[in-house]
Amino acid sequence: MRNIDLSPLHRSFIGFDHLASLLEGAQRAEKSPSYPPYNIELIEENNYRVTLAVAGFSMNELEIETHENNLIIRGNKESSSNKSKTNFLHQGIAERNFERKFQLGDYVRVEGANLENGLLHVELIREIPEQLKPRKIQISTNNHQKPLLEGKLDNNEKLENKAEEKVA
């Protein structure tokens, strides 16, 4: 695999260092973990749900954290002295610690989380600030346009008034 040098991005684009960091992170050949399995659902236009299969974990063994547009979900299985005495013939249920990270988009925040039937549901919502939402601009014609400063006439109105005075 070829390595690409992204350092020119850091020099050329001011304010886009976050984008360059994302590109570098994507370029790294880190193996993504496959445990625990998860789903990402689009509930409505700006509502999402991340669901992790966390069978065998209790609520006090799970931790959800957001930090710098990252959603981090950790599972820390408490060690039990009874498990060391158990003699498994087959152990197919994974009870290992995990950490899952999800990159959140801008203005996405965690709304809540619940644990039900071995599935951890994390509700996400994207709230775009009012100043960034699209807005309609009303178009007016010159006939209905008001002067920029009230009480002051623009040049066309001054000329019209002078022409009216000469005629009178």
N, C-alpha and C. Protein backbone atom coordinates (compact mmCIF):
# COMPACT_ATOMS: atom_id res chain seq x y z
N MET A 1 0.85 -1.18 0.00
CA MET A 1 0.00 0.00 0.00
C MET A 1 0.89 1.24 0.00
N ARG A 2 0.49 2.23 -0.76
CA ARG A 2 1.25 3.45 -0.89
C ARG A 2 0.91 4.43 0.23
N ASN A 3 1.91 5.11 0.77
CA ASN A 3 1.67 6.15 1.77
C ASN A 3 1.62 7.50 1.08
N ILE A 4 0.67 8.30 1.48
CA ILE A 4 0.50 9.63 0.89
C ILE A 4 0.86 10.66 1.95
N ASP A 5 1.68 11.63 1.58
CA ASP A 5 2.08 12.69 2.50
C ASP A 5 1.04 13.80 2.48
N LEU A 6 0.37 14.01 3.61
CA LEU A 6 -0.68 15.03 3.70
C LEU A 6 -0.19 16.32 4.35
N SER A 7 1.11 16.44 4.59
CA SER A 7 1.62 17.64 5.26
C SER A 7 1.39 18.92 4.45
N PRO A 8 1.35 18.90 3.10
CA PRO A 8 1.03 20.14 2.40
C PRO A 8 -0.36 20.69 2.73
N LEU A 9 -1.29 19.81 3.10
CA LEU A 9 -2.62 20.28 3.50
C LEU A 9 -2.54 21.16 4.74
N HIS A 10 -1.64 20.81 5.65
CA HIS A 10 -1.51 21.60 6.88
C HIS A 10 -0.96 22.99 6.57
N ARG A 11 -0.12 23.11 5.55
CA ARG A 11 0.48 24.40 5.23
C ARG A 11 -0.43 25.26 4.38
N SER A 12 -1.24 24.66 3.51
CA SER A 12 -2.00 25.42 2.52
C SER A 12 -3.37 25.87 2.99
N PHE A 13 -4.03 25.07 3.79
CA PHE A 13 -5.40 25.37 4.17
C PHE A 13 -5.46 25.81 5.62
N ILE A 14 -5.76 27.06 5.82
CA ILE A 14 -5.87 27.60 7.17
C ILE A 14 -7.28 27.34 7.66
N GLY A 15 -7.38 26.76 8.84
CA GLY A 15 -8.68 26.48 9.41
C GLY A 15 -9.25 25.14 9.02
N PHE A 16 -8.56 24.40 8.15
CA PHE A 16 -9.03 23.09 7.72
C PHE A 16 -8.20 21.98 8.35
N ASP A 17 -7.55 22.25 9.49
CA ASP A 17 -6.71 21.25 10.12
C ASP A 17 -7.52 20.05 10.59
N HIS A 18 -8.80 20.27 10.93
CA HIS A 18 -9.66 19.16 11.33
C HIS A 18 -9.87 18.20 10.16
N LEU A 19 -10.06 18.75 8.97
CA LEU A 19 -10.23 17.93 7.77
C LEU A 19 -8.97 17.13 7.49
N ALA A 20 -7.81 17.75 7.62
CA ALA A 20 -6.55 17.04 7.39
C ALA A 20 -6.37 15.93 8.41
N SER A 21 -6.76 16.17 9.64
CA SER A 21 -6.67 15.14 10.68
C SER A 21 -7.58 13.96 10.36
N LEU A 22 -8.78 14.25 9.85
CA LEU A 22 -9.69 13.18 9.46
C LEU A 22 -9.11 12.34 8.33
N LEU A 23 -8.49 13.02 7.35
CA LEU A 23 -7.89 12.28 6.24
C LEU A 23 -6.74 11.40 6.72
N GLU A 24 -5.93 11.94 7.62
CA GLU A 24 -4.83 11.14 8.15
C GLU A 24 -5.34 9.94 8.94
N GLY A 25 -6.41 10.14 9.72
CA GLY A 25 -7.00 9.05 10.48
C GLY A 25 -7.55 7.97 9.58
N ALA A 26 -8.16 8.38 8.47
CA ALA A 26 -8.71 7.40 7.52
C ALA A 26 -7.60 6.64 6.81
N GLN A 27 -6.47 7.29 6.64
CA GLN A 27 -5.35 6.67 5.92
C GLN A 27 -4.65 5.60 6.77
N ARG A 28 -4.69 5.78 8.10
CA ARG A 28 -4.02 4.82 8.97
C ARG A 28 -4.57 3.42 8.75
N ALA A 29 -3.71 2.45 8.84
CA ALA A 29 -4.12 1.07 8.55
C ALA A 29 -4.52 0.34 9.83
N GLU A 30 -5.23 1.03 10.72
CA GLU A 30 -5.68 0.39 11.94
C GLU A 30 -6.81 -0.58 11.62
N LYS A 31 -6.76 -1.75 12.23
CA LYS A 31 -7.82 -2.73 12.02
C LYS A 31 -9.00 -2.33 12.90
N SER A 32 -10.16 -2.16 12.28
CA SER A 32 -11.33 -1.76 13.05
C SER A 32 -11.88 -2.96 13.81
N PRO A 33 -12.26 -2.75 15.06
CA PRO A 33 -12.77 -3.87 15.86
C PRO A 33 -14.15 -4.31 15.36
N SER A 34 -14.44 -5.58 15.55
CA SER A 34 -15.74 -6.08 15.11
C SER A 34 -16.63 -6.43 16.30
N TYR A 35 -16.15 -6.21 17.51
CA TYR A 35 -16.93 -6.53 18.70
C TYR A 35 -17.17 -5.27 19.50
N PRO A 36 -18.32 -5.01 19.95
CA PRO A 36 -19.58 -5.72 19.72
C PRO A 36 -20.20 -5.29 18.40
N PRO A 37 -21.04 -6.13 17.81
CA PRO A 37 -21.72 -5.73 16.57
C PRO A 37 -22.68 -4.57 16.84
N TYR A 38 -22.91 -3.76 15.81
CA TYR A 38 -23.76 -2.58 16.00
C TYR A 38 -24.54 -2.27 14.73
N ASN A 39 -25.59 -1.48 14.90
CA ASN A 39 -26.39 -0.93 13.80
C ASN A 39 -26.43 0.58 13.95
N ILE A 40 -26.52 1.28 12.82
CA ILE A 40 -26.76 2.72 12.83
C ILE A 40 -28.01 2.94 12.00
N GLU A 41 -29.03 3.57 12.61
CA GLU A 41 -30.32 3.75 11.96
C GLU A 41 -30.61 5.24 11.78
N LEU A 42 -31.25 5.57 10.67
CA LEU A 42 -31.78 6.91 10.45
C LEU A 42 -33.27 6.84 10.79
N ILE A 43 -33.65 7.45 11.90
CA ILE A 43 -35.03 7.41 12.37
C ILE A 43 -35.87 8.43 11.61
N GLU A 44 -35.43 9.67 11.60
CA GLU A 44 -36.04 10.77 10.85
C GLU A 44 -34.91 11.56 10.23
N GLU A 45 -35.24 12.69 9.62
CA GLU A 45 -34.23 13.46 8.90
C GLU A 45 -33.02 13.81 9.78
N ASN A 46 -33.25 14.21 11.02
CA ASN A 46 -32.16 14.62 11.90
C ASN A 46 -32.07 13.78 13.17
N ASN A 47 -32.67 12.60 13.17
CA ASN A 47 -32.62 11.71 14.33
C ASN A 47 -31.97 10.39 13.93
N TYR A 48 -31.03 9.93 14.75
CA TYR A 48 -30.30 8.71 14.49
C TYR A 48 -30.32 7.83 15.73
N ARG A 49 -30.05 6.54 15.53
CA ARG A 49 -29.93 5.62 16.66
C ARG A 49 -28.78 4.67 16.37
N VAL A 50 -27.89 4.54 17.36
CA VAL A 50 -26.82 3.55 17.32
C VAL A 50 -27.22 2.46 18.30
N THR A 51 -27.23 1.22 17.83
CA THR A 51 -27.61 0.08 18.66
C THR A 51 -26.44 -0.90 18.71
N LEU A 52 -25.99 -1.22 19.92
CA LEU A 52 -24.91 -2.18 20.12
C LEU A 52 -25.46 -3.42 20.81
N ALA A 53 -25.01 -4.59 20.36
CA ALA A 53 -25.39 -5.86 21.00
C ALA A 53 -24.41 -6.08 22.16
N VAL A 54 -24.89 -5.87 23.38
CA VAL A 54 -24.04 -5.96 24.57
C VAL A 54 -24.58 -7.01 25.53
N ALA A 55 -24.89 -8.18 25.00
CA ALA A 55 -25.43 -9.26 25.83
C ALA A 55 -24.45 -9.60 26.94
N GLY A 56 -24.99 -9.74 28.15
CA GLY A 56 -24.16 -10.10 29.30
C GLY A 56 -23.62 -8.91 30.07
N PHE A 57 -23.80 -7.69 29.56
CA PHE A 57 -23.33 -6.49 30.26
C PHE A 57 -24.49 -5.86 31.00
N SER A 58 -24.24 -5.42 32.22
CA SER A 58 -25.26 -4.70 32.98
C SER A 58 -25.03 -3.20 32.80
N MET A 59 -26.00 -2.39 33.25
CA MET A 59 -25.90 -0.95 33.08
C MET A 59 -24.66 -0.37 33.76
N ASN A 60 -24.27 -0.91 34.92
CA ASN A 60 -23.10 -0.34 35.62
C ASN A 60 -21.78 -0.76 34.98
N GLU A 61 -21.82 -1.68 34.01
CA GLU A 61 -20.60 -2.08 33.30
C GLU A 61 -20.43 -1.34 31.97
N LEU A 62 -21.38 -0.50 31.63
CA LEU A 62 -21.34 0.26 30.37
C LEU A 62 -21.12 1.74 30.65
N GLU A 63 -20.39 2.40 29.76
CA GLU A 63 -20.10 3.83 29.89
C GLU A 63 -20.20 4.48 28.53
N ILE A 64 -20.92 5.61 28.47
CA ILE A 64 -21.07 6.37 27.22
C ILE A 64 -20.51 7.76 27.46
N GLU A 65 -19.68 8.22 26.51
CA GLU A 65 -19.02 9.52 26.66
C GLU A 65 -18.94 10.20 25.30
N THR A 66 -19.08 11.51 25.28
CA THR A 66 -18.83 12.28 24.05
C THR A 66 -17.67 13.21 24.32
N HIS A 67 -16.80 13.32 23.33
CA HIS A 67 -15.63 14.18 23.46
C HIS A 67 -15.18 14.59 22.07
N GLU A 68 -15.21 15.91 21.79
CA GLU A 68 -14.74 16.46 20.53
C GLU A 68 -15.32 15.72 19.32
N ASN A 69 -16.63 15.71 19.18
CA ASN A 69 -17.34 15.07 18.07
C ASN A 69 -17.09 13.57 17.97
N ASN A 70 -16.75 12.94 19.07
CA ASN A 70 -16.61 11.49 19.12
C ASN A 70 -17.59 10.94 20.15
N LEU A 71 -18.25 9.86 19.79
CA LEU A 71 -19.09 9.11 20.72
C LEU A 71 -18.28 7.88 21.09
N ILE A 72 -18.00 7.71 22.37
CA ILE A 72 -17.19 6.60 22.85
C ILE A 72 -18.05 5.76 23.78
N ILE A 73 -18.18 4.48 23.45
CA ILE A 73 -18.96 3.55 24.26
C ILE A 73 -18.02 2.47 24.74
N ARG A 74 -17.95 2.31 26.07
CA ARG A 74 -17.05 1.32 26.68
C ARG A 74 -17.86 0.30 27.47
N GLY A 75 -17.37 -0.92 27.46
CA GLY A 75 -17.93 -1.97 28.29
C GLY A 75 -16.80 -2.60 29.08
N ASN A 76 -16.88 -2.54 30.40
CA ASN A 76 -15.86 -3.11 31.28
C ASN A 76 -16.51 -4.20 32.11
N LYS A 77 -16.20 -5.42 31.76
CA LYS A 77 -16.78 -6.58 32.44
C LYS A 77 -16.08 -6.76 33.78
N GLU A 78 -16.89 -6.80 34.84
CA GLU A 78 -16.33 -7.01 36.17
C GLU A 78 -15.89 -8.47 36.29
N SER A 79 -14.71 -8.67 36.82
CA SER A 79 -14.24 -10.05 36.99
C SER A 79 -14.92 -10.65 38.21
N SER A 80 -15.28 -11.89 38.08
CA SER A 80 -16.00 -12.58 39.14
C SER A 80 -15.23 -13.83 39.53
N SER A 81 -15.17 -14.11 40.81
CA SER A 81 -14.46 -15.31 41.26
C SER A 81 -15.21 -16.58 40.87
N ASN A 82 -16.54 -16.48 40.68
CA ASN A 82 -17.34 -17.64 40.28
C ASN A 82 -17.00 -18.09 38.86
N LYS A 83 -16.64 -17.15 37.98
CA LYS A 83 -16.34 -17.49 36.59
C LYS A 83 -15.05 -18.29 36.48
N SER A 84 -14.10 -18.03 37.36
CA SER A 84 -12.84 -18.77 37.28
C SER A 84 -13.04 -20.23 37.68
N LYS A 85 -14.08 -20.50 38.48
CA LYS A 85 -14.38 -21.87 38.89
C LYS A 85 -15.20 -22.61 37.85
N THR A 86 -15.83 -21.88 36.92
CA THR A 86 -16.70 -22.51 35.92
C THR A 86 -15.85 -23.22 34.89
N ASN A 87 -16.26 -24.43 34.55
CA ASN A 87 -15.57 -25.22 33.55
C ASN A 87 -16.43 -25.23 32.29
N PHE A 88 -16.12 -24.38 31.31
CA PHE A 88 -16.91 -24.29 30.10
C PHE A 88 -16.54 -25.42 29.14
N LEU A 89 -17.52 -26.05 28.54
CA LEU A 89 -17.28 -26.97 27.44
C LEU A 89 -17.21 -26.19 26.13
N HIS A 90 -18.01 -25.12 26.05
CA HIS A 90 -17.97 -24.19 24.92
C HIS A 90 -18.38 -22.82 25.43
N GLN A 91 -17.60 -21.80 25.13
CA GLN A 91 -17.95 -20.43 25.55
C GLN A 91 -18.06 -19.57 24.30
N GLY A 92 -19.29 -19.42 23.82
CA GLY A 92 -19.55 -18.64 22.61
C GLY A 92 -20.01 -17.22 22.90
N ILE A 93 -20.40 -16.94 24.14
CA ILE A 93 -20.83 -15.60 24.51
C ILE A 93 -19.60 -14.82 24.96
N ALA A 94 -19.27 -13.79 24.18
CA ALA A 94 -18.08 -13.00 24.50
C ALA A 94 -18.36 -12.12 25.71
N GLU A 95 -17.49 -12.18 26.66
CA GLU A 95 -17.61 -11.32 27.84
C GLU A 95 -16.31 -10.57 28.05
N ARG A 96 -15.87 -9.94 27.00
CA ARG A 96 -14.61 -9.20 27.07
C ARG A 96 -14.89 -7.70 27.06
N ASN A 97 -13.95 -6.96 27.55
CA ASN A 97 -14.07 -5.50 27.56
C ASN A 97 -14.01 -4.98 26.13
N PHE A 98 -14.64 -3.84 25.90
CA PHE A 98 -14.62 -3.25 24.56
C PHE A 98 -14.66 -1.74 24.65
N GLU A 99 -14.27 -1.12 23.55
CA GLU A 99 -14.40 0.32 23.38
C GLU A 99 -14.72 0.58 21.92
N ARG A 100 -15.85 1.21 21.65
CA ARG A 100 -16.29 1.54 20.30
C ARG A 100 -16.31 3.05 20.16
N LYS A 101 -15.73 3.56 19.08
CA LYS A 101 -15.74 4.99 18.82
C LYS A 101 -16.49 5.27 17.52
N PHE A 102 -17.32 6.31 17.57
CA PHE A 102 -18.06 6.76 16.40
C PHE A 102 -17.77 8.25 16.21
N GLN A 103 -17.45 8.65 14.99
CA GLN A 103 -17.23 10.05 14.67
C GLN A 103 -18.59 10.69 14.43
N LEU A 104 -18.92 11.73 15.20
CA LEU A 104 -20.19 12.43 15.06
C LEU A 104 -20.03 13.61 14.12
N GLY A 105 -21.06 13.89 13.35
CA GLY A 105 -21.05 15.05 12.48
C GLY A 105 -21.23 16.33 13.29
N ASP A 106 -21.06 17.44 12.62
CA ASP A 106 -21.26 18.74 13.28
C ASP A 106 -22.69 18.86 13.77
N TYR A 107 -22.86 19.41 14.95
CA TYR A 107 -24.14 19.71 15.58
C TYR A 107 -24.94 18.45 15.95
N VAL A 108 -24.28 17.29 16.02
CA VAL A 108 -24.94 16.06 16.47
C VAL A 108 -24.62 15.88 17.94
N ARG A 109 -25.67 15.64 18.74
CA ARG A 109 -25.47 15.43 20.16
C ARG A 109 -26.26 14.20 20.61
N VAL A 110 -25.85 13.64 21.75
CA VAL A 110 -26.52 12.47 22.29
C VAL A 110 -27.76 12.92 23.03
N GLU A 111 -28.90 12.36 22.66
CA GLU A 111 -30.18 12.69 23.28
C GLU A 111 -30.44 11.82 24.50
N GLY A 112 -30.02 10.54 24.46
CA GLY A 112 -30.25 9.63 25.57
C GLY A 112 -29.82 8.23 25.19
N ALA A 113 -29.89 7.32 26.15
CA ALA A 113 -29.52 5.93 25.91
C ALA A 113 -30.35 5.03 26.81
N ASN A 114 -30.63 3.81 26.33
CA ASN A 114 -31.31 2.82 27.17
C ASN A 114 -30.82 1.42 26.81
N LEU A 115 -30.88 0.56 27.81
CA LEU A 115 -30.45 -0.83 27.68
C LEU A 115 -31.69 -1.71 27.77
N GLU A 116 -31.95 -2.49 26.72
CA GLU A 116 -33.16 -3.31 26.68
C GLU A 116 -32.86 -4.61 25.95
N ASN A 117 -33.10 -5.74 26.63
CA ASN A 117 -32.93 -7.07 26.04
C ASN A 117 -31.54 -7.30 25.45
N GLY A 118 -30.51 -6.81 26.13
CA GLY A 118 -29.14 -7.01 25.67
C GLY A 118 -28.71 -6.07 24.56
N LEU A 119 -29.55 -5.09 24.23
CA LEU A 119 -29.21 -4.11 23.20
C LEU A 119 -29.12 -2.73 23.83
N LEU A 120 -28.03 -2.04 23.59
CA LEU A 120 -27.83 -0.67 24.06
C LEU A 120 -28.21 0.27 22.93
N HIS A 121 -29.24 1.08 23.13
CA HIS A 121 -29.71 2.03 22.13
C HIS A 121 -29.24 3.43 22.55
N VAL A 122 -28.52 4.11 21.66
CA VAL A 122 -28.07 5.48 21.90
C VAL A 122 -28.75 6.37 20.88
N GLU A 123 -29.57 7.31 21.37
CA GLU A 123 -30.34 8.21 20.51
C GLU A 123 -29.52 9.46 20.24
N LEU A 124 -29.42 9.84 18.97
CA LEU A 124 -28.67 11.02 18.55
C LEU A 124 -29.59 11.97 17.80
N ILE A 125 -29.32 13.25 17.92
CA ILE A 125 -30.10 14.26 17.23
C ILE A 125 -29.15 15.32 16.67
N ARG A 126 -29.45 15.77 15.45
CA ARG A 126 -28.66 16.85 14.85
C ARG A 126 -29.49 18.12 14.92
N GLU A 127 -28.95 19.13 15.61
CA GLU A 127 -29.63 20.42 15.75
C GLU A 127 -28.77 21.49 15.10
N ILE A 128 -29.20 21.94 13.95
CA ILE A 128 -28.47 22.96 13.22
C ILE A 128 -28.87 24.32 13.78
N PRO A 129 -27.89 25.17 14.14
CA PRO A 129 -28.23 26.50 14.68
C PRO A 129 -29.03 27.33 13.67
N GLU A 130 -29.89 28.19 14.18
CA GLU A 130 -30.76 29.01 13.33
C GLU A 130 -29.98 29.79 12.28
N GLN A 131 -28.83 30.36 12.67
CA GLN A 131 -28.07 31.19 11.73
C GLN A 131 -27.48 30.38 10.58
N LEU A 132 -27.41 29.05 10.71
CA LEU A 132 -26.88 28.22 9.64
C LEU A 132 -27.97 27.57 8.79
N LYS A 133 -29.21 27.66 9.23
CA LYS A 133 -30.31 27.08 8.45
C LYS A 133 -30.59 27.96 7.24
N PRO A 134 -31.03 27.35 6.14
CA PRO A 134 -31.38 28.16 4.97
C PRO A 134 -32.58 29.06 5.29
N ARG A 135 -32.58 30.24 4.72
CA ARG A 135 -33.70 31.15 4.93
C ARG A 135 -34.05 31.83 3.62
N LYS A 136 -35.32 32.18 3.48
CA LYS A 136 -35.82 32.83 2.26
C LYS A 136 -35.59 34.33 2.39
N ILE A 137 -35.14 34.92 1.30
CA ILE A 137 -34.95 36.37 1.23
C ILE A 137 -36.05 36.92 0.34
N GLN A 138 -36.80 37.87 0.87
CA GLN A 138 -37.90 38.46 0.11
C GLN A 138 -37.33 39.39 -0.93
N ILE A 139 -37.85 39.30 -2.14
CA ILE A 139 -37.40 40.15 -3.25
C ILE A 139 -38.42 41.26 -3.41
N SER A 140 -37.91 42.49 -3.48
CA SER A 140 -38.82 43.63 -3.66
C SER A 140 -38.50 44.32 -4.98
N THR A 141 -39.43 45.14 -5.47
CA THR A 141 -39.21 45.90 -6.69
C THR A 141 -38.74 47.29 -6.31
N ASN A 142 -38.20 48.02 -7.28
CA ASN A 142 -37.72 49.39 -7.02
C ASN A 142 -38.84 50.32 -6.61
N ASN A 143 -40.07 50.05 -7.05
CA ASN A 143 -41.20 50.93 -6.73
C ASN A 143 -41.51 50.92 -5.23
N HIS A 144 -41.26 49.81 -4.59
CA HIS A 144 -41.61 49.68 -3.18
C HIS A 144 -40.40 49.76 -2.27
N GLN A 145 -39.25 50.07 -2.82
CA GLN A 145 -38.03 50.08 -2.03
C GLN A 145 -37.98 51.33 -1.17
N LYS A 146 -37.63 51.16 0.08
CA LYS A 146 -37.54 52.28 1.01
C LYS A 146 -36.11 52.81 1.01
N PRO A 147 -35.92 54.10 1.31
CA PRO A 147 -34.56 54.62 1.42
C PRO A 147 -33.81 53.88 2.54
N LEU A 148 -32.49 53.79 2.37
CA LEU A 148 -31.70 53.08 3.35
C LEU A 148 -31.75 53.74 4.71
N LEU A 149 -31.67 55.06 4.75
CA LEU A 149 -31.73 55.79 6.01
C LEU A 149 -33.01 56.62 6.00
N GLU A 150 -33.85 56.42 6.98
CA GLU A 150 -35.10 57.18 7.04
C GLU A 150 -34.81 58.66 7.23
N GLY A 151 -35.60 59.50 6.59
CA GLY A 151 -35.44 60.94 6.73
C GLY A 151 -34.49 61.53 5.71
N LYS A 152 -33.68 60.70 5.06
CA LYS A 152 -32.76 61.19 4.04
C LYS A 152 -33.25 60.71 2.69
N LEU A 153 -33.14 61.56 1.70
CA LEU A 153 -33.57 61.23 0.35
C LEU A 153 -32.39 60.75 -0.46
N ASP A 154 -32.63 59.82 -1.35
CA ASP A 154 -31.53 59.40 -2.22
C ASP A 154 -31.44 60.40 -3.38
N ASN A 155 -30.43 60.26 -4.23
CA ASN A 155 -30.17 61.23 -5.31
C ASN A 155 -31.34 61.33 -6.28
N ASN A 156 -31.99 60.22 -6.64
CA ASN A 156 -33.13 60.26 -7.58
C ASN A 156 -34.27 61.08 -7.01
N GLU A 157 -34.57 60.91 -5.71
CA GLU A 157 -35.66 61.67 -5.11
C GLU A 157 -35.32 63.15 -5.04
N LYS A 158 -34.05 63.50 -4.81
CA LYS A 158 -33.64 64.90 -4.79
C LYS A 158 -33.84 65.53 -6.16
N LEU A 159 -33.46 64.81 -7.23
CA LEU A 159 -33.63 65.33 -8.57
C LEU A 159 -35.10 65.50 -8.91
N GLU A 160 -35.97 64.54 -8.51
CA GLU A 160 -37.39 64.62 -8.76
C GLU A 160 -37.99 65.83 -8.04
N ASN A 161 -37.56 66.06 -6.80
CA ASN A 161 -38.08 67.22 -6.05
C ASN A 161 -37.67 68.53 -6.69
N LYS A 162 -36.41 68.64 -7.20
CA LYS A 162 -35.95 69.86 -7.86
C LYS A 162 -36.73 70.09 -9.14
N ALA A 163 -36.98 69.00 -9.90
CA ALA A 163 -37.73 69.14 -11.16
C ALA A 163 -39.16 69.61 -10.85
N GLU A 164 -39.79 69.12 -9.80
CA GLU A 164 -41.13 69.54 -9.42
C GLU A 164 -41.13 71.03 -9.03
N GLU A 165 -40.08 71.51 -8.34
CA GLU A 165 -40.01 72.91 -7.91
C GLU A 165 -39.90 73.83 -9.12
N LYS A 166 -39.11 73.40 -10.16
CA LYS A 166 -38.95 74.23 -11.35
C LYS A 166 -40.24 74.33 -12.13
N VAL A 167 -41.01 73.25 -12.18
CA VAL A 167 -42.26 73.24 -12.93
C VAL A 167 -43.27 74.12 -12.22
N ALA A 168 -43.27 74.14 -10.90
CA ALA A 168 -44.23 74.93 -10.16
C ALA A 168 -43.90 76.36 -10.14
